[in-house]
Amino acid sequence: MWGFSCPLIGPDLPGLAEFAAEHLRSVDDWDICMIAGLPLDEDLARAMAQPLAVLGQVQAVYGIVRQVADVSTGHDEWFAGRSAKFRKSLRQAEKRAQINGVSFVDVSADPAAYQRCVEIEGTSWKGMTDDGITSPGMHRFYELMTARLQTQGRFRATVAVVDGEDVGFIFGGVRNQRYRGLQLSFAESARPLSISHLLQHHTLQAVVAEGVETYDMGMDMDYKQRWATHEDPSMSLIIHRSRPKRQRRFG
């Protein structure tokens, strides 16, 4: 849907492009193939396009830009690199949360964690318009993904609670010292408490404590830029298959 994932997995992408070309030549029922989620690199695009060109025209296009925070030197150094306005705002939100009794519950290992998040989503602006994980396609997609992450011990999820009521959630996955945020939402009733910022900060601190060095927030959005240290752009290769022209028969 967003073009984040890449079907070619391994250190030698040009070599995998050769492998992909061989496979695609043996498959008849396709006209356009998109290889998404590739690092944005002109030399890489050229090297991968060469073996794929036997299939037809290869076009390189800009993909998704992700907002990423380098937290390899720890939370405190990352936090010191944020703007004074950002740091002040976050400290004020944490004080309000303490006064209002906001608590954060780790539900990473809870089999009912995803359903709990879905119920919270129903009270958010996204849930009210069926624009989040309550929509049928998104619901099933994340249901499958979170189950697989949990089975592998790579799921990370936190729920914000006020007066015994769930008012927000955040979840993502961890792999190779990298945390990838997946979904974040909160109840409209909790908007004055800055729950989304609190959940983001709480999660960042928690994953850094377990050894995560990269905090990947996904698709570029204005609010994420305040958390990020850099952008991570991607590209996609689109193959337009060439088919031999049919010969006209006479007589």
C-alpha atoms as a PDB file:
ATOM      1  CA  MET A   1       0.000   0.000   0.000  1.00  0.00           C
ATOM      2  CA  TRP A   2       2.758   2.456   0.928  1.00  0.00           C
ATOM      3  CA  GLY A   3       5.679   0.854  -0.889  1.00  0.00           C
ATOM      4  CA  PHE A   4       7.771   0.314   2.242  1.00  0.00           C
ATOM      5  CA  SER A   5       8.423  -3.389   1.871  1.00  0.00           C
ATOM      6  CA  CYS A   6      10.926  -4.817  -0.601  1.00  0.00           C
ATOM      7  CA  PRO A   7      10.559  -8.281  -2.203  1.00  0.00           C
ATOM      8  CA  LEU A   8      14.342  -8.603  -2.654  1.00  0.00           C
ATOM      9  CA  ILE A   9      16.037  -9.441   0.642  1.00  0.00           C
ATOM     10  CA  GLY A  10      19.816  -9.717   0.869  1.00  0.00           C
ATOM     11  CA  PRO A  11      23.080  -7.750   0.682  1.00  0.00           C
ATOM     12  CA  ASP A  12      23.585  -8.103  -3.108  1.00  0.00           C
ATOM     13  CA  LEU A  13      20.636  -6.288  -4.680  1.00  0.00           C
ATOM     14  CA  PRO A  14      21.998  -6.297  -8.276  1.00  0.00           C
ATOM     15  CA  GLY A  15      22.540 -10.055  -7.954  1.00  0.00           C
ATOM     16  CA  LEU A  16      18.998 -10.464  -6.671  1.00  0.00           C
ATOM     17  CA  ALA A  17      17.756  -8.407  -9.626  1.00  0.00           C
ATOM     18  CA  GLU A  18      19.308 -11.033 -11.924  1.00  0.00           C
ATOM     19  CA  PHE A  19      17.540 -13.758  -9.959  1.00  0.00           C
ATOM     20  CA  ALA A  20      14.254 -11.839 -10.149  1.00  0.00           C
ATOM     21  CA  ALA A  21      14.639 -11.380 -13.907  1.00  0.00           C
ATOM     22  CA  GLU A  22      15.111 -15.122 -14.391  1.00  0.00           C
ATOM     23  CA  HIS A  23      12.016 -15.849 -12.321  1.00  0.00           C
ATOM     24  CA  LEU A  24       9.832 -13.218 -13.983  1.00  0.00           C
ATOM     25  CA  ARG A  25      10.742 -14.536 -17.442  1.00  0.00           C
ATOM     26  CA  SER A  26       9.172 -17.847 -16.467  1.00  0.00           C
ATOM     27  CA  VAL A  27       5.921 -16.231 -15.291  1.00  0.00           C
ATOM     28  CA  ASP A  28       3.495 -15.296 -18.031  1.00  0.00           C
ATOM     29  CA  ASP A  29       0.564 -13.545 -16.355  1.00  0.00           C
ATOM     30  CA  TRP A  30       1.992 -10.103 -15.640  1.00  0.00           C
ATOM     31  CA  ASP A  31       2.481  -6.852 -17.557  1.00  0.00           C
ATOM     32  CA  ILE A  32       3.824  -4.465 -14.910  1.00  0.00           C
ATOM     33  CA  CYS A  33       6.045  -5.352 -11.947  1.00  0.00           C
ATOM     34  CA  MET A  34       6.969  -2.957  -9.144  1.00  0.00           C
ATOM     35  CA  ILE A  35       9.995  -3.566  -6.909  1.00  0.00           C
ATOM     36  CA  ALA A  36       9.505  -1.121  -4.039  1.00  0.00           C
ATOM     37  CA  GLY A  37      11.343  -0.253  -0.824  1.00  0.00           C
ATOM     38  CA  LEU A  38      14.822   0.096  -2.382  1.00  0.00           C
ATOM     39  CA  PRO A  39      17.454   2.529  -1.062  1.00  0.00           C
ATOM     40  CA  LEU A  40      17.448   5.719  -3.124  1.00  0.00           C
ATOM     41  CA  ASP A  41      20.685   5.414  -5.071  1.00  0.00           C
ATOM     42  CA  GLU A  42      21.275   6.265  -8.732  1.00  0.00           C
ATOM     43  CA  ASP A  43      24.138   3.778  -9.152  1.00  0.00           C
ATOM     44  CA  LEU A  44      22.063   1.024  -7.538  1.00  0.00           C
ATOM     45  CA  ALA A  45      19.124   1.801  -9.821  1.00  0.00           C
ATOM     46  CA  ARG A  46      21.377   1.539 -12.866  1.00  0.00           C
ATOM     47  CA  ALA A  47      22.964  -1.727 -11.696  1.00  0.00           C
ATOM     48  CA  MET A  48      19.581  -3.323 -10.951  1.00  0.00           C
ATOM     49  CA  ALA A  49      17.951  -2.072 -14.143  1.00  0.00           C
ATOM     50  CA  GLN A  50      20.552  -3.750 -16.351  1.00  0.00           C
ATOM     51  CA  PRO A  51      19.508  -7.401 -15.752  1.00  0.00           C
ATOM     52  CA  LEU A  52      15.827  -6.443 -15.550  1.00  0.00           C
ATOM     53  CA  ALA A  53      15.946  -4.685 -18.927  1.00  0.00           C
ATOM     54  CA  VAL A  54      15.681  -8.045 -20.700  1.00  0.00           C
ATOM     55  CA  LEU A  55      12.039  -8.040 -19.599  1.00  0.00           C
ATOM     56  CA  GLY A  56      11.146  -4.620 -20.975  1.00  0.00           C
ATOM     57  CA  GLN A  57      11.380  -0.947 -20.054  1.00  0.00           C
ATOM     58  CA  VAL A  58      12.633  -0.275 -16.509  1.00  0.00           C
ATOM     59  CA  GLN A  59      11.708   2.991 -14.801  1.00  0.00           C
ATOM     60  CA  ALA A  60      13.139   4.256 -11.488  1.00  0.00           C
ATOM     61  CA  VAL A  61      10.748   6.445  -9.452  1.00  0.00           C
ATOM     62  CA  TYR A  62      10.892   8.144  -6.073  1.00  0.00           C
ATOM     63  CA  GLY A  63       9.326   6.133  -3.285  1.00  0.00           C
ATOM     64  CA  ILE A  64       8.377   6.861   0.311  1.00  0.00           C
ATOM     65  CA  VAL A  65      10.465   9.103   2.589  1.00  0.00           C
ATOM     66  CA  ARG A  66      10.633   7.838   6.186  1.00  0.00           C
ATOM     67  CA  GLN A  67      11.439   9.911   9.250  1.00  0.00           C
ATOM     68  CA  VAL A  68      14.140   8.238  11.323  1.00  0.00           C
ATOM     69  CA  ALA A  69      15.852   9.005  14.630  1.00  0.00           C
ATOM     70  CA  ASP A  70      19.416   7.856  15.291  1.00  0.00           C
ATOM     71  CA  VAL A  71      19.388   6.876  18.978  1.00  0.00           C
ATOM     72  CA  SER A  72      22.641   4.892  18.903  1.00  0.00           C
ATOM     73  CA  THR A  73      24.276   7.252  21.419  1.00  0.00           C
ATOM     74  CA  GLY A  74      21.372   7.014  23.860  1.00  0.00           C
ATOM     75  CA  HIS A  75      18.181   8.833  24.746  1.00  0.00           C
ATOM     76  CA  ASP A  76      19.766  11.811  26.487  1.00  0.00           C
ATOM     77  CA  GLU A  77      21.950  12.815  23.535  1.00  0.00           C
ATOM     78  CA  TRP A  78      19.023  12.389  21.146  1.00  0.00           C
ATOM     79  CA  PHE A  79      16.813  14.514  23.428  1.00  0.00           C
ATOM     80  CA  ALA A  80      19.478  17.222  23.698  1.00  0.00           C
ATOM     81  CA  GLY A  81      19.426  17.487  19.911  1.00  0.00           C
ATOM     82  CA  ARG A  82      15.725  18.406  19.793  1.00  0.00           C
ATOM     83  CA  SER A  83      14.622  22.031  19.739  1.00  0.00           C
ATOM     84  CA  ALA A  84      14.141  23.912  23.013  1.00  0.00           C
ATOM     85  CA  LYS A  85      10.437  24.306  22.198  1.00  0.00           C
ATOM     86  CA  PHE A  86      10.057  20.549  21.653  1.00  0.00           C
ATOM     87  CA  ARG A  87      11.836  19.660  24.909  1.00  0.00           C
ATOM     88  CA  LYS A  88       9.770  22.156  26.907  1.00  0.00           C
ATOM     89  CA  SER A  89       6.495  20.931  25.384  1.00  0.00           C
ATOM     90  CA  LEU A  90       7.314  17.302  26.148  1.00  0.00           C
ATOM     91  CA  ARG A  91       8.313  18.040  29.745  1.00  0.00           C
ATOM     92  CA  GLN A  92       5.061  19.946  30.271  1.00  0.00           C
ATOM     93  CA  ALA A  93       3.059  17.045  28.818  1.00  0.00           C
ATOM     94  CA  GLU A  94       4.777  14.620  31.170  1.00  0.00           C
ATOM     95  CA  LYS A  95       3.936  16.827  34.150  1.00  0.00           C
ATOM     96  CA  ARG A  96       0.273  16.982  33.080  1.00  0.00           C
ATOM     97  CA  ALA A  97       0.266  13.204  32.668  1.00  0.00           C
ATOM     98  CA  GLN A  98       1.610  12.733  36.194  1.00  0.00           C
ATOM     99  CA  ILE A  99      -0.999  15.092  37.649  1.00  0.00           C
ATOM    100  CA  ASN A 100      -3.815  13.327  35.773  1.00  0.00           C
ATOM    101  CA  GLY A 101      -2.657   9.829  36.716  1.00  0.00           C
ATOM    102  CA  VAL A 102      -1.688   8.620  33.238  1.00  0.00           C
ATOM    103  CA  SER A 103       0.046   5.238  33.336  1.00  0.00           C
ATOM    104  CA  PHE A 104       1.668   3.186  30.586  1.00  0.00           C
ATOM    105  CA  VAL A 105       1.138  -0.557  30.359  1.00  0.00           C
ATOM    106  CA  ASP A 106       3.415  -2.838  28.343  1.00  0.00           C
ATOM    107  CA  VAL A 107       1.115  -5.241  26.471  1.00  0.00           C
ATOM    108  CA  SER A 108       3.730  -6.642  24.075  1.00  0.00           C
ATOM    109  CA  ALA A 109       3.198 -10.217  25.235  1.00  0.00           C
ATOM    110  CA  ASP A 110      -0.557  -9.986  25.803  1.00  0.00           C
ATOM    111  CA  PRO A 111      -2.482 -12.161  23.280  1.00  0.00           C
ATOM    112  CA  ALA A 112      -5.341  -9.642  23.483  1.00  0.00           C
ATOM    113  CA  ALA A 113      -3.098  -6.618  22.838  1.00  0.00           C
ATOM    114  CA  TYR A 114      -4.213  -6.031  19.269  1.00  0.00           C
ATOM    115  CA  GLN A 115      -7.920  -6.251  20.112  1.00  0.00           C
ATOM    116  CA  ARG A 116      -7.328  -3.806  22.938  1.00  0.00           C
ATOM    117  CA  CYS A 117      -5.738  -1.386  20.459  1.00  0.00           C
ATOM    118  CA  VAL A 118      -8.668  -1.820  18.052  1.00  0.00           C
ATOM    119  CA  GLU A 119     -11.114  -0.882  20.810  1.00  0.00           C
ATOM    120  CA  ILE A 120      -9.127   2.266  21.577  1.00  0.00           C
ATOM    121  CA  GLU A 121      -9.040   3.117  17.883  1.00  0.00           C
ATOM    122  CA  GLY A 122     -12.840   3.079  17.858  1.00  0.00           C
ATOM    123  CA  THR A 123     -12.785   6.114  20.182  1.00  0.00           C
ATOM    124  CA  SER A 124     -10.267   8.063  18.075  1.00  0.00           C
ATOM    125  CA  TRP A 125     -10.900  10.421  15.150  1.00  0.00           C
ATOM    126  CA  LYS A 126      -9.580   7.730  12.807  1.00  0.00           C
ATOM    127  CA  GLY A 127     -11.935   5.141  14.242  1.00  0.00           C
ATOM    128  CA  MET A 128     -14.918   7.451  13.965  1.00  0.00           C
ATOM    129  CA  THR A 129     -14.342   7.683  10.201  1.00  0.00           C
ATOM    130  CA  ASP A 130     -13.121   4.081   9.764  1.00  0.00           C
ATOM    131  CA  ASP A 131      -9.797   5.457   8.585  1.00  0.00           C
ATOM    132  CA  GLY A 132      -7.485   3.438  10.823  1.00  0.00           C
ATOM    133  CA  ILE A 133      -7.145  -0.155  11.981  1.00  0.00           C
ATOM    134  CA  THR A 134     -10.917  -0.415  12.356  1.00  0.00           C
ATOM    135  CA  SER A 135     -11.322  -0.390   8.553  1.00  0.00           C
ATOM    136  CA  PRO A 136     -11.645  -3.964   7.193  1.00  0.00           C
ATOM    137  CA  GLY A 137      -8.471  -4.155   5.082  1.00  0.00           C
ATOM    138  CA  MET A 138      -6.241  -2.417   7.617  1.00  0.00           C
ATOM    139  CA  HIS A 139      -7.713  -4.407  10.489  1.00  0.00           C
ATOM    140  CA  ARG A 140      -6.833  -7.747   8.900  1.00  0.00           C
ATOM    141  CA  PHE A 141      -3.414  -6.558   7.738  1.00  0.00           C
ATOM    142  CA  TYR A 142      -2.317  -5.511  11.223  1.00  0.00           C
ATOM    143  CA  GLU A 143      -4.006  -8.485  12.861  1.00  0.00           C
ATOM    144  CA  LEU A 144      -1.771 -10.811  10.841  1.00  0.00           C
ATOM    145  CA  MET A 145       1.341  -8.685  11.274  1.00  0.00           C
ATOM    146  CA  THR A 146       1.051  -8.255  15.053  1.00  0.00           C
ATOM    147  CA  ALA A 147       0.410 -11.987  15.526  1.00  0.00           C
ATOM    148  CA  ARG A 148       3.555 -12.864  13.582  1.00  0.00           C
ATOM    149  CA  LEU A 149       5.631 -10.297  15.467  1.00  0.00           C
ATOM    150  CA  GLN A 150       4.371 -11.624  18.799  1.00  0.00           C
ATOM    151  CA  THR A 151       5.215 -15.217  17.848  1.00  0.00           C
ATOM    152  CA  GLN A 152       8.780 -14.110  17.107  1.00  0.00           C
ATOM    153  CA  GLY A 153       9.075 -11.997  20.274  1.00  0.00           C
ATOM    154  CA  ARG A 154       9.534  -8.818  18.208  1.00  0.00           C
ATOM    155  CA  PHE A 155       6.237  -7.063  18.977  1.00  0.00           C
ATOM    156  CA  ARG A 156       6.342  -3.921  21.125  1.00  0.00           C
ATOM    157  CA  ALA A 157       3.088  -2.364  22.312  1.00  0.00           C
ATOM    158  CA  THR A 158       2.080   0.076  25.035  1.00  0.00           C
ATOM    159  CA  VAL A 159      -1.353   1.222  26.170  1.00  0.00           C
ATOM    160  CA  ALA A 160      -1.956   4.507  28.003  1.00  0.00           C
ATOM    161  CA  VAL A 161      -4.466   4.259  30.855  1.00  0.00           C
ATOM    162  CA  VAL A 162      -6.307   6.992  32.799  1.00  0.00           C
ATOM    163  CA  ASP A 163      -8.598   6.112  35.716  1.00  0.00           C
ATOM    164  CA  GLY A 164      -8.717   2.491  34.596  1.00  0.00           C
ATOM    165  CA  GLU A 165      -9.707   3.410  31.025  1.00  0.00           C
ATOM    166  CA  ASP A 166      -7.563   2.741  27.943  1.00  0.00           C
ATOM    167  CA  VAL A 167      -7.039   6.081  26.168  1.00  0.00           C
ATOM    168  CA  GLY A 168      -4.181   5.461  23.729  1.00  0.00           C
ATOM    169  CA  PHE A 169      -1.879   2.904  22.176  1.00  0.00           C
ATOM    170  CA  ILE A 170       1.310   2.565  20.189  1.00  0.00           C
ATOM    171  CA  PHE A 171       2.789  -0.540  18.621  1.00  0.00           C
ATOM    172  CA  GLY A 172       5.646  -1.541  16.341  1.00  0.00           C
ATOM    173  CA  GLY A 173       8.261  -4.188  15.730  1.00  0.00           C
ATOM    174  CA  VAL A 174      11.964  -4.637  16.495  1.00  0.00           C
ATOM    175  CA  ARG A 175      14.598  -6.235  14.282  1.00  0.00           C
ATOM    176  CA  ASN A 176      18.395  -5.889  14.268  1.00  0.00           C
ATOM    177  CA  GLN A 177      18.584  -2.941  16.696  1.00  0.00           C
ATOM    178  CA  ARG A 178      15.876  -1.122  14.717  1.00  0.00           C
ATOM    179  CA  TYR A 179      12.399  -0.244  15.940  1.00  0.00           C
ATOM    180  CA  ARG A 180       9.792   0.348  13.248  1.00  0.00           C
ATOM    181  CA  GLY A 181       6.683   2.154  14.424  1.00  0.00           C
ATOM    182  CA  LEU A 182       3.453   0.812  12.940  1.00  0.00           C
ATOM    183  CA  GLN A 183       0.394   2.457  14.533  1.00  0.00           C
ATOM    184  CA  LEU A 184      -0.322   5.135  17.118  1.00  0.00           C
ATOM    185  CA  SER A 185      -3.723   6.441  18.199  1.00  0.00           C
ATOM    186  CA  PHE A 186      -5.639   7.899  21.135  1.00  0.00           C
ATOM    187  CA  ALA A 187      -9.175   8.579  22.322  1.00  0.00           C
ATOM    188  CA  GLU A 188     -10.541  12.011  21.471  1.00  0.00           C
ATOM    189  CA  SER A 189     -11.405  12.480  25.140  1.00  0.00           C
ATOM    190  CA  ALA A 190      -7.677  12.348  25.982  1.00  0.00           C
ATOM    191  CA  ARG A 191      -6.506  14.862  23.379  1.00  0.00           C
ATOM    192  CA  PRO A 192      -5.673  17.599  25.977  1.00  0.00           C
ATOM    193  CA  LEU A 193      -3.198  15.189  27.619  1.00  0.00           C
ATOM    194  CA  SER A 194      -0.892  14.928  24.541  1.00  0.00           C
ATOM    195  CA  ILE A 195      -1.168  11.149  24.749  1.00  0.00           C
ATOM    196  CA  SER A 196       0.406  10.547  21.335  1.00  0.00           C
ATOM    197  CA  HIS A 197       3.611  12.414  22.261  1.00  0.00           C
ATOM    198  CA  LEU A 198       3.778  10.683  25.621  1.00  0.00           C
ATOM    199  CA  LEU A 199       3.402   7.244  24.037  1.00  0.00           C
ATOM    200  CA  GLN A 200       6.046   8.035  21.434  1.00  0.00           C
ATOM    201  CA  HIS A 201       8.534   9.218  24.046  1.00  0.00           C
ATOM    202  CA  HIS A 202       7.811   6.339  26.409  1.00  0.00           C
ATOM    203  CA  THR A 203       8.372   3.815  23.609  1.00  0.00           C
ATOM    204  CA  LEU A 204      11.564   5.487  22.419  1.00  0.00           C
ATOM    205  CA  GLN A 205      13.010   5.346  25.931  1.00  0.00           C
ATOM    206  CA  ALA A 206      11.978   1.706  26.358  1.00  0.00           C
ATOM    207  CA  VAL A 207      13.446   0.413  23.092  1.00  0.00           C
ATOM    208  CA  VAL A 208      16.669   2.383  23.536  1.00  0.00           C
ATOM    209  CA  ALA A 209      17.035   0.724  26.941  1.00  0.00           C
ATOM    210  CA  GLU A 210      16.878  -2.696  25.268  1.00  0.00           C
ATOM    211  CA  GLY A 211      19.570  -1.801  22.713  1.00  0.00           C
ATOM    212  CA  VAL A 212      17.688  -0.292  19.765  1.00  0.00           C
ATOM    213  CA  GLU A 213      19.848   2.141  17.782  1.00  0.00           C
ATOM    214  CA  THR A 214      17.380   3.318  15.127  1.00  0.00           C
ATOM    215  CA  TYR A 215      13.859   4.580  15.798  1.00  0.00           C
ATOM    216  CA  ASP A 216      11.994   4.467  12.488  1.00  0.00           C
ATOM    217  CA  MET A 217       8.672   6.340  12.510  1.00  0.00           C
ATOM    218  CA  GLY A 218       7.728   5.532   8.934  1.00  0.00           C
ATOM    219  CA  MET A 219       6.043   7.823   6.425  1.00  0.00           C
ATOM    220  CA  ASP A 220       7.039  11.479   6.452  1.00  0.00           C
ATOM    221  CA  MET A 221       4.587  13.675   8.386  1.00  0.00           C
ATOM    222  CA  ASP A 222       5.160  17.120   9.862  1.00  0.00           C
ATOM    223  CA  TYR A 223       4.955  16.084  13.508  1.00  0.00           C
ATOM    224  CA  LYS A 224       7.476  13.259  12.996  1.00  0.00           C
ATOM    225  CA  GLN A 225      10.133  15.682  11.777  1.00  0.00           C
ATOM    226  CA  ARG A 226      10.464  17.048  15.301  1.00  0.00           C
ATOM    227  CA  TRP A 227      11.451  13.574  16.527  1.00  0.00           C
ATOM    228  CA  ALA A 228      13.707  12.581  13.646  1.00  0.00           C
ATOM    229  CA  THR A 229      17.413  13.177  13.131  1.00  0.00           C
ATOM    230  CA  HIS A 230      17.315  12.434   9.396  1.00  0.00           C
ATOM    231  CA  GLU A 231      15.219  11.298   6.460  1.00  0.00           C
ATOM    232  CA  ASP A 232      15.520   7.882   4.820  1.00  0.00           C
ATOM    233  CA  PRO A 233      14.255   8.093   1.207  1.00  0.00           C
ATOM    234  CA  SER A 234      13.468   5.096  -0.974  1.00  0.00           C
ATOM    235  CA  MET A 235      12.867   4.330  -4.625  1.00  0.00           C
ATOM    236  CA  SER A 236      10.941   1.821  -6.686  1.00  0.00           C
ATOM    237  CA  LEU A 237      11.758   0.134  -9.986  1.00  0.00           C
ATOM    238  CA  ILE A 238       8.823  -0.351 -12.337  1.00  0.00           C
ATOM    239  CA  ILE A 239       9.178  -2.897 -15.119  1.00  0.00           C
ATOM    240  CA  HIS A 240       6.867  -2.503 -18.129  1.00  0.00           C
ATOM    241  CA  ARG A 241       6.944  -5.886 -19.797  1.00  0.00           C
ATOM    242  CA  SER A 242       7.646  -6.065 -23.504  1.00  0.00           C
ATOM    243  CA  ARG A 243       5.879  -8.799 -25.383  1.00  0.00           C
ATOM    244  CA  PRO A 244       6.747  -9.932 -28.927  1.00  0.00           C
ATOM    245  CA  LYS A 245       4.359  -8.584 -31.502  1.00  0.00           C
ATOM    246  CA  ARG A 246       2.098 -11.138 -33.059  1.00  0.00           C
ATOM    247  CA  GLN A 247       2.906 -11.833 -36.684  1.00  0.00           C
ATOM    248  CA  ARG A 248       0.130 -11.213 -39.140  1.00  0.00           C
ATOM    249  CA  ARG A 249      -0.818 -14.190 -41.213  1.00  0.00           C
ATOM    250  CA  PHE A 250      -1.699 -13.842 -44.922  1.00  0.00           C
ATOM    251  CA  GLY A 251      -3.363 -16.227 -47.368  1.00  0.00           C
END
